[in-house]
C-alpha atoms as a PDB file:
ATOM      1  CA  UNK A   1      49.774  40.160 -19.294  1.00  0.00           C
ATOM      2  CA  UNK A   2      46.336  41.809 -19.141  1.00  0.00           C
ATOM      3  CA  UNK A   3      45.697  41.334 -22.755  1.00  0.00           C
ATOM      4  CA  UNK A   4      46.610  37.628 -22.321  1.00  0.00           C
ATOM      5  CA  UNK A   5      44.127  37.225 -19.569  1.00  0.00           C
ATOM      6  CA  UNK A   6      41.385  38.993 -21.492  1.00  0.00           C
ATOM      7  CA  UNK A   7      42.050  36.770 -24.495  1.00  0.00           C
ATOM      8  CA  UNK A   8      41.800  33.693 -22.315  1.00  0.00           C
ATOM      9  CA  UNK A   9      38.606  34.856 -20.702  1.00  0.00           C
ATOM     10  CA  UNK A  10      37.258  35.795 -24.218  1.00  0.00           C
ATOM     11  CA  UNK A  11      37.986  32.175 -25.413  1.00  0.00           C
ATOM     12  CA  UNK A  12      36.412  30.792 -22.329  1.00  0.00           C
ATOM     13  CA  UNK A  13      33.271  32.924 -22.956  1.00  0.00           C
ATOM     14  CA  UNK A  14      33.162  31.824 -26.582  1.00  0.00           C
ATOM     15  CA  UNK A  15      33.367  28.155 -25.631  1.00  0.00           C
ATOM     16  CA  UNK A  16      30.694  28.704 -22.936  1.00  0.00           C
ATOM     17  CA  UNK A  17      28.524  30.563 -25.451  1.00  0.00           C
ATOM     18  CA  UNK A  18      28.873  27.612 -27.906  1.00  0.00           C
ATOM     19  CA  UNK A  19      28.010  25.061 -25.181  1.00  0.00           C
ATOM     20  CA  UNK A  20      24.936  27.060 -24.156  1.00  0.00           C
ATOM     21  CA  UNK A  21      23.780  27.244 -27.756  1.00  0.00           C
ATOM     22  CA  UNK A  22      24.210  23.505 -28.051  1.00  0.00           C
ATOM     23  CA  UNK A  23      22.143  23.033 -24.928  1.00  0.00           C
ATOM     24  CA  UNK A  24      19.580  25.507 -26.216  1.00  0.00           C
ATOM     25  CA  UNK A  25      19.358  23.627 -29.456  1.00  0.00           C
ATOM     26  CA  UNK A  26      18.946  20.236 -27.876  1.00  0.00           C
ATOM     27  CA  UNK A  27      16.266  21.719 -25.610  1.00  0.00           C
ATOM     28  CA  UNK A  28      14.393  23.079 -28.501  1.00  0.00           C
ATOM     29  CA  UNK A  29      14.585  19.581 -30.281  1.00  0.00           C
ATOM     30  CA  UNK A  30      13.263  18.000 -27.118  1.00  0.00           C
ATOM     31  CA  UNK A  31      10.318  20.548 -27.044  1.00  0.00           C
ATOM     32  CA  UNK A  32       9.544  19.782 -30.719  1.00  0.00           C
ATOM     33  CA  UNK A  33       9.621  16.050 -30.049  1.00  0.00           C
ATOM     34  CA  UNK A  34       7.353  16.470 -27.086  1.00  0.00           C
ATOM     35  CA  UNK A  35       4.911  18.667 -29.048  1.00  0.00           C
ATOM     36  CA  UNK A  36       5.078  16.084 -31.971  1.00  0.00           C
ATOM     37  CA  UNK A  37       4.393  13.247 -29.414  1.00  0.00           C
ATOM     38  CA  UNK A  38       1.370  15.215 -28.027  1.00  0.00           C
ATOM     39  CA  UNK A  39      -0.027  15.755 -31.502  1.00  0.00           C
ATOM     40  CA  UNK A  40       0.396  12.008 -32.381  1.00  0.00           C
ATOM     41  CA  UNK A  41      -1.183  10.978 -29.077  1.00  0.00           C
ATOM     42  CA  UNK A  42      -4.197  13.078 -29.805  1.00  0.00           C
ATOM     43  CA  UNK A  43      -4.648  11.536 -33.163  1.00  0.00           C
ATOM     44  CA  UNK A  44      -4.366   8.171 -31.703  1.00  0.00           C
ATOM     45  CA  UNK A  45      -6.897   8.885 -28.932  1.00  0.00           C
ATOM     46  CA  UNK A  46      -9.220  10.249 -31.701  1.00  0.00           C
ATOM     47  CA  UNK A  47      -8.561   6.922 -33.783  1.00  0.00           C
ATOM     48  CA  UNK A  48      -9.099   4.881 -30.646  1.00  0.00           C
ATOM     49  CA  UNK A  49     -12.479   6.600 -29.964  1.00  0.00           C
ATOM     50  CA  UNK A  50     -13.686   6.029 -33.454  1.00  0.00           C
ATOM     51  CA  UNK A  51     -12.696   2.347 -33.501  1.00  0.00           C
ATOM     52  CA  UNK A  52     -14.105   1.739 -30.034  1.00  0.00           C
ATOM     53  CA  UNK A  53     -17.440   3.300 -31.098  1.00  0.00           C
ATOM     54  CA  UNK A  54     -17.493   0.951 -34.048  1.00  0.00           C
ATOM     55  CA  UNK A  55     -16.621  -1.962 -31.977  1.00  0.00           C
ATOM     56  CA  UNK A  56     -19.371  -1.086 -29.404  1.00  0.00           C
ATOM     57  CA  UNK A  57     -21.840  -0.862 -32.263  1.00  0.00           C
ATOM     58  CA  UNK A  58     -20.895  -4.434 -33.589  1.00  0.00           C
ATOM     59  CA  UNK A  59     -21.012  -5.763 -30.123  1.00  0.00           C
ATOM     60  CA  UNK A  60     -24.497  -4.361 -29.534  1.00  0.00           C
ATOM     61  CA  UNK A  61     -25.644  -5.898 -32.823  1.00  0.00           C
ATOM     62  CA  UNK A  62     -24.350  -9.223 -31.885  1.00  0.00           C
ATOM     63  CA  UNK A  63     -25.320  -9.230 -28.232  1.00  0.00           C
ATOM     64  CA  UNK A  64     -28.885 -10.921 -28.724  1.00  0.00           C
ATOM     65  CA  UNK A  65     -27.342 -13.800 -30.691  1.00  0.00           C
ATOM     66  CA  UNK A  66     -24.566 -14.168 -28.068  1.00  0.00           C
ATOM     67  CA  UNK A  67     -27.004 -14.198 -25.165  1.00  0.00           C
ATOM     68  CA  UNK A  68     -29.096 -16.868 -27.092  1.00  0.00           C
ATOM     69  CA  UNK A  69     -26.001 -19.116 -27.387  1.00  0.00           C
ATOM     70  CA  UNK A  70     -25.191 -18.508 -23.701  1.00  0.00           C
ATOM     71  CA  UNK A  71     -28.747 -19.469 -22.807  1.00  0.00           C
ATOM     72  CA  UNK A  72     -28.386 -22.744 -24.961  1.00  0.00           C
ATOM     73  CA  UNK A  73     -24.983 -23.493 -23.317  1.00  0.00           C
ATOM     74  CA  UNK A  74     -26.503 -22.966 -19.783  1.00  0.00           C
ATOM     75  CA  UNK A  75     -29.293 -25.436 -20.865  1.00  0.00           C
ATOM     76  CA  UNK A  76     -26.801 -28.044 -21.964  1.00  0.00           C
ATOM     77  CA  UNK A  77     -24.336 -27.471 -19.146  1.00  0.00           C
ATOM     78  CA  UNK A  78     -25.781 -30.133 -16.725  1.00  0.00           C
ATOM     79  CA  UNK A  79     -25.439 -32.773 -19.499  1.00  0.00           C
ATOM     80  CA  UNK A  80     -21.826 -31.980 -20.304  1.00  0.00           C
ATOM     81  CA  UNK A  81     -19.101 -33.860 -18.063  1.00  0.00           C
ATOM     82  CA  UNK A  82     -17.549 -31.383 -15.619  1.00  0.00           C
ATOM     83  CA  UNK A  83     -13.989 -32.040 -16.840  1.00  0.00           C
ATOM     84  CA  UNK A  84     -14.881 -31.291 -20.417  1.00  0.00           C
ATOM     85  CA  UNK A  85     -16.776 -28.107 -19.433  1.00  0.00           C
ATOM     86  CA  UNK A  86     -13.742 -27.017 -17.388  1.00  0.00           C
ATOM     87  CA  UNK A  87     -11.457 -27.474 -20.441  1.00  0.00           C
ATOM     88  CA  UNK A  88     -13.883 -25.601 -22.600  1.00  0.00           C
ATOM     89  CA  UNK A  89     -14.070 -22.715 -20.159  1.00  0.00           C
ATOM     90  CA  UNK A  90     -10.334 -22.528 -19.803  1.00  0.00           C
ATOM     91  CA  UNK A  91      -9.919 -22.317 -23.678  1.00  0.00           C
ATOM     92  CA  UNK A  92     -12.567 -19.709 -24.217  1.00  0.00           C
ATOM     93  CA  UNK A  93     -11.306 -17.614 -21.233  1.00  0.00           C
ATOM     94  CA  UNK A  94      -8.004 -17.348 -23.204  1.00  0.00           C
ATOM     95  CA  UNK A  95     -10.025 -16.456 -26.403  1.00  0.00           C
ATOM     96  CA  UNK A  96      -8.716 -19.695 -28.084  1.00  0.00           C
ATOM     97  CA  UNK A  97     -11.392 -20.280 -30.742  1.00  0.00           C
ATOM     98  CA  UNK A  98     -12.648 -22.716 -31.891  1.00  0.00           C
ATOM     99  CA  UNK A  99     -12.419 -24.624 -28.716  1.00  0.00           C
ATOM    100  CA  UNK A 100     -13.867 -27.839 -30.092  1.00  0.00           C
ATOM    101  CA  UNK A 101     -12.493 -29.208 -33.400  1.00  0.00           C
ATOM    102  CA  UNK A 102     -13.199 -32.296 -35.345  1.00  0.00           C
ATOM    103  CA  UNK A 103     -10.154 -34.644 -35.637  1.00  0.00           C
ATOM    104  CA  UNK A 104      -8.976 -34.661 -39.261  1.00  0.00           C
ATOM    105  CA  UNK A 105      -8.150 -38.082 -40.691  1.00  0.00           C
ATOM    106  CA  UNK A 106      -4.516 -37.949 -41.946  1.00  0.00           C
ATOM    107  CA  UNK A 107      -4.748 -41.431 -43.262  1.00  0.00           C
ATOM    108  CA  UNK A 108      -6.624 -44.604 -42.291  1.00  0.00           C
ATOM    109  CA  UNK A 109      -4.647 -44.956 -39.028  1.00  0.00           C
ATOM    110  CA  UNK A 110      -3.798 -41.457 -37.908  1.00  0.00           C
ATOM    111  CA  UNK A 111      -5.638 -38.160 -37.049  1.00  0.00           C
ATOM    112  CA  UNK A 112      -4.514 -34.580 -37.175  1.00  0.00           C
ATOM    113  CA  UNK A 113      -5.658 -31.598 -35.128  1.00  0.00           C
ATOM    114  CA  UNK A 114      -7.066 -28.376 -36.555  1.00  0.00           C
ATOM    115  CA  UNK A 115      -3.623 -26.811 -35.959  1.00  0.00           C
ATOM    116  CA  UNK A 116      -1.939 -29.503 -38.185  1.00  0.00           C
ATOM    117  CA  UNK A 117      -0.339 -31.650 -35.542  1.00  0.00           C
ATOM    118  CA  UNK A 118      -0.611 -35.385 -36.117  1.00  0.00           C
ATOM    119  CA  UNK A 119      -1.906 -36.926 -32.880  1.00  0.00           C
ATOM    120  CA  UNK A 120       0.423 -39.063 -30.906  1.00  0.00           C
ATOM    121  CA  UNK A 121      -0.568 -42.678 -30.212  1.00  0.00           C
ATOM    122  CA  UNK A 122      -1.441 -41.797 -26.605  1.00  0.00           C
ATOM    123  CA  UNK A 123      -3.662 -38.968 -27.726  1.00  0.00           C
ATOM    124  CA  UNK A 124      -5.173 -40.974 -30.531  1.00  0.00           C
ATOM    125  CA  UNK A 125      -6.023 -43.767 -28.054  1.00  0.00           C
ATOM    126  CA  UNK A 126      -7.692 -41.237 -25.822  1.00  0.00           C
ATOM    127  CA  UNK A 127      -9.711 -39.828 -28.701  1.00  0.00           C
ATOM    128  CA  UNK A 128     -10.882 -43.365 -29.769  1.00  0.00           C
ATOM    129  CA  UNK A 129     -11.676 -44.413 -26.235  1.00  0.00           C
ATOM    130  CA  UNK A 130     -13.300 -41.286 -24.879  1.00  0.00           C
ATOM    131  CA  UNK A 131     -14.544 -39.672 -28.135  1.00  0.00           C
ATOM    132  CA  UNK A 132     -12.424 -36.525 -27.380  1.00  0.00           C
ATOM    133  CA  UNK A 133      -8.916 -35.569 -26.438  1.00  0.00           C
ATOM    134  CA  UNK A 134      -6.784 -32.487 -26.078  1.00  0.00           C
ATOM    135  CA  UNK A 135      -4.203 -31.435 -28.674  1.00  0.00           C
ATOM    136  CA  UNK A 136      -0.717 -31.534 -27.238  1.00  0.00           C
ATOM    137  CA  UNK A 137       0.191 -28.343 -29.185  1.00  0.00           C
ATOM    138  CA  UNK A 138      -2.781 -25.966 -29.252  1.00  0.00           C
ATOM    139  CA  UNK A 139      -4.655 -27.591 -26.382  1.00  0.00           C
ATOM    140  CA  UNK A 140      -8.002 -27.453 -28.300  1.00  0.00           C
ATOM    141  CA  UNK A 141     -10.580 -30.196 -27.542  1.00  0.00           C
ATOM    142  CA  UNK A 142     -10.524 -32.637 -30.479  1.00  0.00           C
ATOM    143  CA  UNK A 143     -13.616 -34.798 -30.968  1.00  0.00           C
ATOM    144  CA  UNK A 144     -13.988 -37.843 -33.052  1.00  0.00           C
ATOM    145  CA  UNK A 145     -15.483 -37.325 -36.536  1.00  0.00           C
ATOM    146  CA  UNK A 146     -18.976 -38.685 -37.092  1.00  0.00           C
ATOM    147  CA  UNK A 147     -19.086 -41.989 -38.967  1.00  0.00           C
ATOM    148  CA  UNK A 148     -20.299 -41.538 -42.492  1.00  0.00           C
END
């Protein structure tokens, strides 16, 4: 009877030892994944820093021209209808460029937007009446082409 009990205890200990080893192995795998993640994160931070420095340099090189265009826009602002300016500012705040696009003649009677959509009759009428309209798909401001 004692031998039987010892054998049962020995089997339970072996099972417990096996489960502990499995837990240890999974813990070591988790640690390895964590260390790998830290290493990748460091590389990504370094890459981000390099790219950000390049972007800052490009921005600094273009700032004078951007400020020149902003000055021109500020000069023209009083002459631009408020509703048109509001549409422009909404589009550019969403970084949707170009905000203004010329209507493309699809055929003698129809126009298309920069995005490829053929203008509906309502939008086409608005374009012809006002000289500009909004694309129903991309929301860009479409202006009437200059007569040649």
